[in-house]
């Protein structure tokens, strides 16, 4: 049975373009191209998310929540692309992350645990 997030990955990657001849010709595998696309997209969208805060904090503009949500959606799209290429179900990935956090921070986040 597929989860909602796994369906999201399927629906999101349906919109993916794979027609990038300038970059595709430089890599030996489509996997490299897709993972690079995801990594670069995550970096770009994260910067756009941070830019919303810059405009708010430094220029005194109201925080644009609509744009903030759109950037989060773009970030989720690139996560979906990476998970699809790695053939990892979202729920499986989420459980691994939660387990890692449970080991690292059994009670809650502390600076001491973060540093060690």
Protein backbone atom coordinates (compact mmCIF):
# COMPACT_ATOMS: atom_id res chain seq x y z
CA UNK A 1 0.00 0.00 0.00
CA UNK A 2 1.34 3.40 -0.97
CA UNK A 3 1.30 6.27 1.48
CA UNK A 4 0.27 9.81 0.68
CA UNK A 5 3.92 10.88 0.64
CA UNK A 6 4.91 8.08 -1.71
CA UNK A 7 2.06 9.17 -3.98
CA UNK A 8 3.41 12.72 -3.70
CA UNK A 9 6.81 11.50 -4.87
CA UNK A 10 5.19 9.76 -7.84
CA UNK A 11 3.09 12.81 -8.72
CA UNK A 12 5.96 15.26 -8.22
CA UNK A 13 8.47 13.36 -10.32
CA UNK A 14 5.89 13.08 -13.09
CA UNK A 15 6.57 16.80 -13.69
CA UNK A 16 10.33 16.30 -13.94
CA UNK A 17 12.08 17.25 -17.13
CA UNK A 18 14.95 14.98 -18.10
CA UNK A 19 15.92 16.94 -21.18
CA UNK A 20 19.17 18.58 -20.12
CA UNK A 21 21.62 17.68 -22.90
CA UNK A 22 24.29 20.16 -21.75
CA UNK A 23 24.63 18.42 -18.40
CA UNK A 24 23.50 14.90 -19.31
CA UNK A 25 26.36 14.52 -21.78
CA UNK A 26 28.86 15.22 -18.99
CA UNK A 27 27.69 12.47 -16.66
CA UNK A 28 27.88 8.75 -17.12
CA UNK A 29 24.53 7.99 -15.50
CA UNK A 30 21.06 9.47 -15.29
CA UNK A 31 21.32 8.82 -11.55
CA UNK A 32 24.16 11.33 -11.23
CA UNK A 33 22.16 13.89 -13.21
CA UNK A 34 19.02 13.47 -11.09
CA UNK A 35 20.88 13.57 -7.77
CA UNK A 36 22.86 16.64 -8.85
CA UNK A 37 19.63 18.30 -9.99
CA UNK A 38 18.06 17.54 -6.61
CA UNK A 39 21.08 18.78 -4.64
CA UNK A 40 21.38 21.98 -6.64
CA UNK A 41 17.64 22.58 -6.44
CA UNK A 42 17.64 22.09 -2.66
CA UNK A 43 20.44 24.60 -2.31
CA UNK A 44 18.74 27.15 -4.56
CA UNK A 45 15.33 26.83 -2.92
CA UNK A 46 16.84 26.97 0.56
CA UNK A 47 18.58 30.21 -0.41
CA UNK A 48 15.27 31.62 -1.65
CA UNK A 49 13.67 30.65 1.67
CA UNK A 50 16.44 32.44 3.54
CA UNK A 51 16.09 35.46 1.25
CA UNK A 52 12.52 35.88 2.49
CA UNK A 53 13.89 36.28 6.01
CA UNK A 54 16.61 38.67 4.82
CA UNK A 55 13.98 40.94 3.29
CA UNK A 56 11.96 40.75 6.48
CA UNK A 57 14.77 41.23 9.02
CA UNK A 58 17.08 43.63 7.18
CA UNK A 59 14.67 45.61 5.00
CA UNK A 60 11.69 45.66 7.34
CA UNK A 61 9.31 44.02 4.89
CA UNK A 62 6.53 41.80 6.23
CA UNK A 63 7.47 38.13 6.11
CA UNK A 64 5.88 36.81 2.92
CA UNK A 65 4.26 33.64 4.24
CA UNK A 66 2.78 32.75 0.84
CA UNK A 67 6.24 32.83 -0.74
CA UNK A 68 7.70 31.00 2.26
CA UNK A 69 5.22 28.16 1.75
CA UNK A 70 5.93 28.06 -1.98
CA UNK A 71 9.65 27.72 -1.32
CA UNK A 72 8.97 24.88 1.15
CA UNK A 73 6.93 23.19 -1.57
CA UNK A 74 9.81 23.56 -4.02
CA UNK A 75 12.17 22.07 -1.43
CA UNK A 76 9.79 19.14 -0.96
CA UNK A 77 9.75 18.61 -4.75
CA UNK A 78 13.55 18.28 -4.82
CA UNK A 79 13.47 15.94 -1.82
CA UNK A 80 10.95 13.84 -3.75
CA UNK A 81 13.27 13.76 -6.75
CA UNK A 82 16.20 12.56 -4.64
CA UNK A 83 14.15 9.94 -2.79
CA UNK A 84 12.74 8.66 -6.07
CA UNK A 85 16.21 8.29 -7.56
CA UNK A 86 17.48 6.56 -4.42
CA UNK A 87 14.40 4.31 -4.46
CA UNK A 88 13.57 5.16 -0.86
CA UNK A 89 9.99 5.45 0.36
CA UNK A 90 9.31 8.67 2.20
CA UNK A 91 8.03 6.89 5.31
CA UNK A 92 11.11 4.68 5.43
CA UNK A 93 13.33 7.71 5.15
CA UNK A 94 11.33 9.57 7.81
CA UNK A 95 11.61 6.62 10.22
CA UNK A 96 15.40 6.53 9.75
CA UNK A 97 15.62 10.26 10.50
CA UNK A 98 13.44 9.93 13.61
CA UNK A 99 15.46 6.93 14.84
CA UNK A 100 18.70 8.88 14.37
CA UNK A 101 17.25 11.83 16.29
CA UNK A 102 16.07 9.48 19.04
CA UNK A 103 19.61 8.18 19.51
CA UNK A 104 21.21 11.59 19.30
CA UNK A 105 18.64 13.41 21.46
CA UNK A 106 16.76 10.85 23.61
CA UNK A 107 14.88 13.51 25.58
CA UNK A 108 15.16 16.67 23.52
CA UNK A 109 17.75 18.77 21.74
CA UNK A 110 20.59 20.03 23.90
CA UNK A 111 23.67 21.94 22.81
CA UNK A 112 25.88 19.50 24.69
CA UNK A 113 24.43 16.49 22.78
CA UNK A 114 24.72 18.41 19.53
CA UNK A 115 28.40 19.12 20.10
CA UNK A 116 29.18 15.52 21.03
